Amino acid sequence: EKVLKNGCHLVFFPNGTWKKVGSDGKTIT
């Protein structure tokens, strides 16, 4: 898990899937 200075959270999974939670906490990709 990486937390960026702009407030975004990035989570990288071992299988290659990754998740980005926007700084608003509501936009998820």
PDB file of all heavy atoms in Angstrom:
ATOM      1  N   GLU A   1       0.850  -1.183   0.000  1.00  0.00           N
ATOM      2  CA  GLU A   1       0.000   0.000   0.000  1.00  0.00           C
ATOM      3  C   GLU A   1       0.890   1.239   0.000  1.00  0.00           C
ATOM      4  O   GLU A   1       1.857   1.326   0.744  1.00  0.00           O
ATOM      5  CB  GLU A   1      -0.901   0.017   1.238  1.00  0.00           C
ATOM      6  CG  GLU A   1      -1.835   1.210   1.280  1.00  0.00           C
ATOM      7  CD  GLU A   1      -2.772   1.191   2.487  1.00  0.00           C
ATOM      8  OE1 GLU A   1      -2.652   0.291   3.340  1.00  0.00           O
ATOM      9  OE2 GLU A   1      -3.617   2.091   2.557  1.00  0.00           O
ATOM     10  N   LYS A   2       0.528   2.166  -0.904  1.00  0.00           N
ATOM     11  CA  LYS A   2       1.261   3.435  -0.967  1.00  0.00           C
ATOM     12  C   LYS A   2       0.268   4.566  -0.752  1.00  0.00           C
ATOM     13  O   LYS A   2      -0.781   4.610  -1.381  1.00  0.00           O
ATOM     14  CB  LYS A   2       1.936   3.611  -2.328  1.00  0.00           C
ATOM     15  CG  LYS A   2       3.003   2.564  -2.620  1.00  0.00           C
ATOM     16  CD  LYS A   2       3.622   2.764  -3.976  1.00  0.00           C
ATOM     17  CE  LYS A   2       4.646   1.657  -4.243  1.00  0.00           C
ATOM     18  NZ  LYS A   2       5.342   1.853  -5.520  1.00  0.00           N
ATOM     19  N   VAL A   3       0.619   5.470   0.153  1.00  0.00           N
ATOM     20  CA  VAL A   3      -0.194   6.664   0.383  1.00  0.00           C
ATOM     21  C   VAL A   3       0.580   7.832  -0.232  1.00  0.00           C
ATOM     22  O   VAL A   3       1.743   8.065   0.118  1.00  0.00           O
ATOM     23  CB  VAL A   3      -0.452   6.897   1.886  1.00  0.00           C
ATOM     24  CG1 VAL A   3      -1.259   8.163   2.103  1.00  0.00           C
ATOM     25  CG2 VAL A   3      -1.156   5.693   2.505  1.00  0.00           C
ATOM     26  N   LEU A   4      -0.059   8.528  -1.152  1.00  0.00           N
ATOM     27  CA  LEU A   4       0.592   9.642  -1.827  1.00  0.00           C
ATOM     28  C   LEU A   4       0.327  10.938  -1.082  1.00  0.00           C
ATOM     29  O   LEU A   4      -0.644  11.061  -0.334  1.00  0.00           O
ATOM     30  CB  LEU A   4       0.091   9.741  -3.275  1.00  0.00           C
ATOM     31  CG  LEU A   4       0.197   8.456  -4.110  1.00  0.00           C
ATOM     32  CD1 LEU A   4      -0.306   8.717  -5.522  1.00  0.00           C
ATOM     33  CD2 LEU A   4       1.622   7.935  -4.138  1.00  0.00           C
ATOM     34  N   LYS A   5       1.199  11.924  -1.312  1.00  0.00           N
ATOM     35  CA  LYS A   5       1.049  13.206  -0.626  1.00  0.00           C
ATOM     36  C   LYS A   5      -0.253  13.914  -1.002  1.00  0.00           C
ATOM     37  O   LYS A   5      -0.767  14.698  -0.219  1.00  0.00           O
ATOM     38  CB  LYS A   5       2.255  14.098  -0.924  1.00  0.00           C
ATOM     39  CG  LYS A   5       3.484  13.655  -0.173  1.00  0.00           C
ATOM     40  CD  LYS A   5       4.557  14.698  -0.152  1.00  0.00           C
ATOM     41  CE  LYS A   5       5.676  14.202   0.772  1.00  0.00           C
ATOM     42  NZ  LYS A   5       6.858  15.007   0.701  1.00  0.00           N
ATOM     43  N   ASN A   6      -0.793  13.619  -2.196  1.00  0.00           N
ATOM     44  CA  ASN A   6      -2.047  14.274  -2.600  1.00  0.00           C
ATOM     45  C   ASN A   6      -3.274  13.603  -1.966  1.00  0.00           C
ATOM     46  O   ASN A   6      -4.401  14.007  -2.228  1.00  0.00           O
ATOM     47  CB  ASN A   6      -2.189  14.297  -4.128  1.00  0.00           C
ATOM     48  CG  ASN A   6      -2.363  12.918  -4.738  1.00  0.00           C
ATOM     49  OD1 ASN A   6      -2.485  11.917  -4.040  1.00  0.00           O
ATOM     50  ND2 ASN A   6      -2.381  12.874  -6.054  1.00  0.00           N
ATOM     51  N   GLY A   7      -3.056  12.559  -1.151  1.00  0.00           N
ATOM     52  CA  GLY A   7      -4.159  11.902  -0.447  1.00  0.00           C
ATOM     53  C   GLY A   7      -4.646  10.622  -1.089  1.00  0.00           C
ATOM     54  O   GLY A   7      -5.475   9.917  -0.517  1.00  0.00           O
ATOM     55  N   CYS A   8      -4.164  10.301  -2.272  1.00  0.00           N
ATOM     56  CA  CYS A   8      -4.566   9.055  -2.933  1.00  0.00           C
ATOM     57  C   CYS A   8      -3.919   7.860  -2.247  1.00  0.00           C
ATOM     58  O   CYS A   8      -2.808   7.966  -1.734  1.00  0.00           O
ATOM     59  CB  CYS A   8      -4.135   9.052  -4.402  1.00  0.00           C
ATOM     60  SG  CYS A   8      -5.054  10.175  -5.435  1.00  0.00           S
ATOM     61  N   HIS A   9      -4.634   6.740  -2.279  1.00  0.00           N
ATOM     62  CA  HIS A   9      -4.105   5.481  -1.767  1.00  0.00           C
ATOM     63  C   HIS A   9      -3.988   4.524  -2.948  1.00  0.00           C
ATOM     64  O   HIS A   9      -4.937   4.384  -3.729  1.00  0.00           O
ATOM     65  CB  HIS A   9      -5.059   4.856  -0.741  1.00  0.00           C
ATOM     66  CG  HIS A   9      -5.105   5.569   0.553  1.00  0.00           C
ATOM     67  ND1 HIS A   9      -4.601   5.027   1.710  1.00  0.00           N
ATOM     68  CD2 HIS A   9      -5.602   6.783   0.901  1.00  0.00           C
ATOM     69  CE1 HIS A   9      -4.785   5.874   2.707  1.00  0.00           C
ATOM     70  NE2 HIS A   9      -5.402   6.947   2.239  1.00  0.00           N
ATOM     71  N   LEU A  10      -2.853   3.854  -3.054  1.00  0.00           N
ATOM     72  CA  LEU A  10      -2.652   2.836  -4.078  1.00  0.00           C
ATOM     73  C   LEU A  10      -2.371   1.533  -3.363  1.00  0.00           C
ATOM     74  O   LEU A  10      -1.556   1.485  -2.445  1.00  0.00           O
ATOM     75  CB  LEU A  10      -1.471   3.195  -4.979  1.00  0.00           C
ATOM     76  CG  LEU A  10      -1.535   4.535  -5.713  1.00  0.00           C
ATOM     77  CD1 LEU A  10      -0.227   4.785  -6.452  1.00  0.00           C
ATOM     78  CD2 LEU A  10      -2.696   4.549  -6.689  1.00  0.00           C
ATOM     79  N   VAL A  11      -3.069   0.466  -3.793  1.00  0.00           N
ATOM     80  CA  VAL A  11      -2.844  -0.845  -3.203  1.00  0.00           C
ATOM     81  C   VAL A  11      -2.522  -1.805  -4.345  1.00  0.00           C
ATOM     82  O   VAL A  11      -3.292  -1.931  -5.296  1.00  0.00           O
ATOM     83  CB  VAL A  11      -4.086  -1.346  -2.425  1.00  0.00           C
ATOM     84  CG1 VAL A  11      -3.805  -2.703  -1.785  1.00  0.00           C
ATOM     85  CG2 VAL A  11      -4.501  -0.333  -1.366  1.00  0.00           C
ATOM     86  N   PHE A  12      -1.370  -2.458  -4.259  1.00  0.00           N
ATOM     87  CA  PHE A  12      -0.923  -3.401  -5.284  1.00  0.00           C
ATOM     88  C   PHE A  12      -1.005  -4.816  -4.717  1.00  0.00           C
ATOM     89  O   PHE A  12      -0.474  -5.079  -3.641  1.00  0.00           O
ATOM     90  CB  PHE A  12       0.517  -3.077  -5.710  1.00  0.00           C
ATOM     91  CG  PHE A  12       0.652  -1.703  -6.312  1.00  0.00           C
ATOM     92  CD1 PHE A  12       0.921  -0.591  -5.517  1.00  0.00           C
ATOM     93  CD2 PHE A  12       0.493  -1.521  -7.679  1.00  0.00           C
ATOM     94  CE1 PHE A  12       1.025   0.669  -6.066  1.00  0.00           C
ATOM     95  CE2 PHE A  12       0.602  -0.256  -8.238  1.00  0.00           C
ATOM     96  CZ  PHE A  12       0.866   0.843  -7.435  1.00  0.00           C
ATOM     97  N   PHE A  13      -1.664  -5.701  -5.442  1.00  0.00           N
ATOM     98  CA  PHE A  13      -1.838  -7.082  -4.999  1.00  0.00           C
ATOM     99  C   PHE A  13      -0.850  -7.972  -5.743  1.00  0.00           C
ATOM    100  O   PHE A  13      -0.445  -7.674  -6.866  1.00  0.00           O
ATOM    101  CB  PHE A  13      -3.278  -7.534  -5.246  1.00  0.00           C
ATOM    102  CG  PHE A  13      -4.289  -6.720  -4.472  1.00  0.00           C
ATOM    103  CD1 PHE A  13      -4.851  -5.576  -5.026  1.00  0.00           C
ATOM    104  CD2 PHE A  13      -4.662  -7.087  -3.191  1.00  0.00           C
ATOM    105  CE1 PHE A  13      -5.763  -4.815  -4.317  1.00  0.00           C
ATOM    106  CE2 PHE A  13      -5.576  -6.336  -2.477  1.00  0.00           C
ATOM    107  CZ  PHE A  13      -6.132  -5.193  -3.038  1.00  0.00           C
ATOM    108  N   PRO A  14      -0.482  -9.102  -5.147  1.00  0.00           N
ATOM    109  CA  PRO A  14       0.519  -9.987  -5.758  1.00  0.00           C
ATOM    110  C   PRO A  14       0.118 -10.524  -7.151  1.00  0.00           C
ATOM    111  O   PRO A  14       0.971 -10.794  -7.971  1.00  0.00           O
ATOM    112  CB  PRO A  14       0.649 -11.141  -4.761  1.00  0.00           C
ATOM    113  CG  PRO A  14       0.093 -10.639  -3.481  1.00  0.00           C
ATOM    114  CD  PRO A  14      -0.898  -9.583  -3.826  1.00  0.00           C
ATOM    115  N   ASN A  15      -1.175 -10.635  -7.410  1.00  0.00           N
ATOM    116  CA  ASN A  15      -1.615 -11.196  -8.690  1.00  0.00           C
ATOM    117  C   ASN A  15      -1.592 -10.174  -9.837  1.00  0.00           C
ATOM    118  O   ASN A  15      -1.955 -10.486 -10.959  1.00  0.00           O
ATOM    119  CB  ASN A  15      -3.010 -11.816  -8.570  1.00  0.00           C
ATOM    120  CG  ASN A  15      -4.103 -10.783  -8.332  1.00  0.00           C
ATOM    121  OD1 ASN A  15      -3.854  -9.588  -8.202  1.00  0.00           O
ATOM    122  ND2 ASN A  15      -5.337 -11.262  -8.277  1.00  0.00           N
ATOM    123  N   GLY A  16      -1.191  -8.934  -9.542  1.00  0.00           N
ATOM    124  CA  GLY A  16      -1.124  -7.914 -10.588  1.00  0.00           C
ATOM    125  C   GLY A  16      -2.284  -6.935 -10.553  1.00  0.00           C
ATOM    126  O   GLY A  16      -2.262  -5.911 -11.232  1.00  0.00           O
ATOM    127  N   THR A  17      -3.290  -7.226  -9.762  1.00  0.00           N
ATOM    128  CA  THR A  17      -4.416  -6.297  -9.598  1.00  0.00           C
ATOM    129  C   THR A  17      -3.965  -5.144  -8.720  1.00  0.00           C
ATOM    130  O   THR A  17      -3.174  -5.334  -7.802  1.00  0.00           O
ATOM    131  CB  THR A  17      -5.617  -7.031  -8.942  1.00  0.00           C
ATOM    132  OG1 THR A  17      -6.059  -8.050  -9.836  1.00  0.00           O
ATOM    133  CG2 THR A  17      -6.765  -6.093  -8.629  1.00  0.00           C
ATOM    134  N   TRP A  18      -4.469  -3.930  -9.049  1.00  0.00           N
ATOM    135  CA  TRP A  18      -4.170  -2.801  -8.170  1.00  0.00           C
ATOM    136  C   TRP A  18      -5.379  -1.898  -8.035  1.00  0.00           C
ATOM    137  O   TRP A  18      -6.261  -1.872  -8.891  1.00  0.00           O
ATOM    138  CB  TRP A  18      -2.931  -2.038  -8.608  1.00  0.00           C
ATOM    139  CG  TRP A  18      -2.980  -1.411  -9.979  1.00  0.00           C
ATOM    140  CD1 TRP A  18      -2.820  -2.026 -11.168  1.00  0.00           C
ATOM    141  CD2 TRP A  18      -3.187  -0.029 -10.269  1.00  0.00           C
ATOM    142  NE1 TRP A  18      -2.917  -1.137 -12.193  1.00  0.00           N
ATOM    143  CE2 TRP A  18      -3.137   0.105 -11.667  1.00  0.00           C
ATOM    144  CE3 TRP A  18      -3.401   1.098  -9.489  1.00  0.00           C
ATOM    145  CZ2 TRP A  18      -3.312   1.329 -12.306  1.00  0.00           C
ATOM    146  CZ3 TRP A  18      -3.563   2.314 -10.122  1.00  0.00           C
ATOM    147  CH2 TRP A  18      -3.513   2.428 -11.510  1.00  0.00           C
ATOM    148  N   LYS A  19      -5.417  -1.184  -6.930  1.00  0.00           N
ATOM    149  CA  LYS A  19      -6.571  -0.364  -6.578  1.00  0.00           C
ATOM    150  C   LYS A  19      -6.094   1.042  -6.245  1.00  0.00           C
ATOM    151  O   LYS A  19      -5.089   1.219  -5.563  1.00  0.00           O
ATOM    152  CB  LYS A  19      -7.261  -0.992  -5.368  1.00  0.00           C
ATOM    153  CG  LYS A  19      -8.411  -0.225  -4.785  1.00  0.00           C
ATOM    154  CD  LYS A  19      -8.974  -1.037  -3.596  1.00  0.00           C
ATOM    155  CE  LYS A  19     -10.066  -0.336  -2.865  1.00  0.00           C
ATOM    156  NZ  LYS A  19     -10.587  -1.149  -1.766  1.00  0.00           N
ATOM    157  N   LYS A  20      -6.833   2.018  -6.771  1.00  0.00           N
ATOM    158  CA  LYS A  20      -6.523   3.418  -6.461  1.00  0.00           C
ATOM    159  C   LYS A  20      -7.755   4.039  -5.823  1.00  0.00           C
ATOM    160  O   LYS A  20      -8.845   3.993  -6.383  1.00  0.00           O
ATOM    161  CB  LYS A  20      -6.168   4.181  -7.729  1.00  0.00           C
ATOM    162  CG  LYS A  20      -5.923   5.665  -7.506  1.00  0.00           C
ATOM    163  CD  LYS A  20      -5.626   6.389  -8.817  1.00  0.00           C
ATOM    164  CE  LYS A  20      -5.420   7.875  -8.569  1.00  0.00           C
ATOM    165  NZ  LYS A  20      -5.194   8.616  -9.807  1.00  0.00           N
ATOM    166  N   VAL A  21      -7.578   4.587  -4.637  1.00  0.00           N
ATOM    167  CA  VAL A  21      -8.641   5.314  -3.955  1.00  0.00           C
ATOM    168  C   VAL A  21      -8.262   6.788  -4.040  1.00  0.00           C
ATOM    169  O   VAL A  21      -7.196   7.192  -3.574  1.00  0.00           O
ATOM    170  CB  VAL A  21      -8.800   4.875  -2.480  1.00  0.00           C
ATOM    171  CG1 VAL A  21      -9.906   5.674  -1.801  1.00  0.00           C
ATOM    172  CG2 VAL A  21      -9.077   3.380  -2.400  1.00  0.00           C
ATOM    173  N   GLY A  22      -9.141   7.572  -4.674  1.00  0.00           N
ATOM    174  CA  GLY A  22      -8.862   8.995  -4.868  1.00  0.00           C
ATOM    175  C   GLY A  22      -8.770   9.752  -3.557  1.00  0.00           C
ATOM    176  O   GLY A  22      -9.199   9.263  -2.507  1.00  0.00           O
ATOM    177  N   SER A  23      -8.223  10.950  -3.628  1.00  0.00           N
ATOM    178  CA  SER A  23      -8.046  11.763  -2.418  1.00  0.00           C
ATOM    179  C   SER A  23      -9.380  12.097  -1.762  1.00  0.00           C
ATOM    180  O   SER A  23      -9.423  12.372  -0.569  1.00  0.00           O
ATOM    181  CB  SER A  23      -7.258  13.035  -2.741  1.00  0.00           C
ATOM    182  OG  SER A  23      -7.917  13.747  -3.775  1.00  0.00           O
ATOM    183  N   ASP A  24     -10.486  12.032  -2.542  1.00  0.00           N
ATOM    184  CA  ASP A  24     -11.810  12.295  -1.958  1.00  0.00           C
ATOM    185  C   ASP A  24     -12.323  11.089  -1.168  1.00  0.00           C
ATOM    186  O   ASP A  24     -13.318  11.184  -0.466  1.00  0.00           O
ATOM    187  CB  ASP A  24     -12.814  12.683  -3.043  1.00  0.00           C
ATOM    188  CG  ASP A  24     -13.048  11.591  -4.089  1.00  0.00           C
ATOM    189  OD1 ASP A  24     -12.476  10.486  -3.959  1.00  0.00           O
ATOM    190  OD2 ASP A  24     -13.802  11.859  -5.045  1.00  0.00           O
ATOM    191  N   GLY A  25     -11.644   9.938  -1.306  1.00  0.00           N
ATOM    192  CA  GLY A  25     -12.054   8.724  -0.598  1.00  0.00           C
ATOM    193  C   GLY A  25     -13.273   8.056  -1.212  1.00  0.00           C
ATOM    194  O   GLY A  25     -13.698   7.002  -0.770  1.00  0.00           O
ATOM    195  N   LYS A  26     -13.841   8.650  -2.264  1.00  0.00           N
ATOM    196  CA  LYS A  26     -15.074   8.136  -2.864  1.00  0.00           C
ATOM    197  C   LYS A  26     -14.870   7.618  -4.290  1.00  0.00           C
ATOM    198  O   LYS A  26     -15.692   6.862  -4.787  1.00  0.00           O
ATOM    199  CB  LYS A  26     -16.145   9.229  -2.888  1.00  0.00           C
ATOM    200  CG  LYS A  26     -16.568   9.688  -1.508  1.00  0.00           C
ATOM    201  CD  LYS A  26     -17.582  10.798  -1.605  1.00  0.00           C
ATOM    202  CE  LYS A  26     -17.985  11.298  -0.223  1.00  0.00           C
ATOM    203  NZ  LYS A  26     -18.919  12.415  -0.301  1.00  0.00           N
ATOM    204  N   THR A  27     -13.818   8.061  -4.941  1.00  0.00           N
ATOM    205  CA  THR A  27     -13.542   7.619  -6.305  1.00  0.00           C
ATOM    206  C   THR A  27     -12.555   6.464  -6.221  1.00  0.00           C
ATOM    207  O   THR A  27     -11.440   6.634  -5.736  1.00  0.00           O
ATOM    208  CB  THR A  27     -12.959   8.766  -7.152  1.00  0.00           C
ATOM    209  OG1 THR A  27     -13.850   9.882  -7.082  1.00  0.00           O
ATOM    210  CG2 THR A  27     -12.784   8.348  -8.599  1.00  0.00           C
ATOM    211  N   ILE A  28     -12.997   5.285  -6.677  1.00  0.00           N
ATOM    212  CA  ILE A  28     -12.163   4.089  -6.574  1.00  0.00           C
ATOM    213  C   ILE A  28     -12.007   3.469  -7.960  1.00  0.00           C
ATOM    214  O   ILE A  28     -12.979   3.318  -8.688  1.00  0.00           O
ATOM    215  CB  ILE A  28     -12.796   3.062  -5.604  1.00  0.00           C
ATOM    216  CG1 ILE A  28     -12.959   3.690  -4.212  1.00  0.00           C
ATOM    217  CG2 ILE A  28     -11.973   1.778  -5.552  1.00  0.00           C
ATOM    218  CD1 ILE A  28     -13.825   2.879  -3.267  1.00  0.00           C
ATOM    219  N   THR A  29     -10.783   3.150  -8.306  1.00  0.00           N
ATOM    220  CA  THR A  29     -10.509   2.460  -9.561  1.00  0.00           C
ATOM    221  C   THR A  29      -9.731   1.195  -9.244  1.00  0.00           C
ATOM    222  O   THR A  29      -8.710   1.246  -8.562  1.00  0.00           O
ATOM    223  CB  THR A  29      -9.679   3.348 -10.524  1.00  0.00           C
ATOM    224  OG1 THR A  29     -10.377   4.564 -10.745  1.00  0.00           O
ATOM    225  CG2 THR A  29      -9.458   2.646 -11.853  1.00  0.00           C
TER     226      THR A  29
END
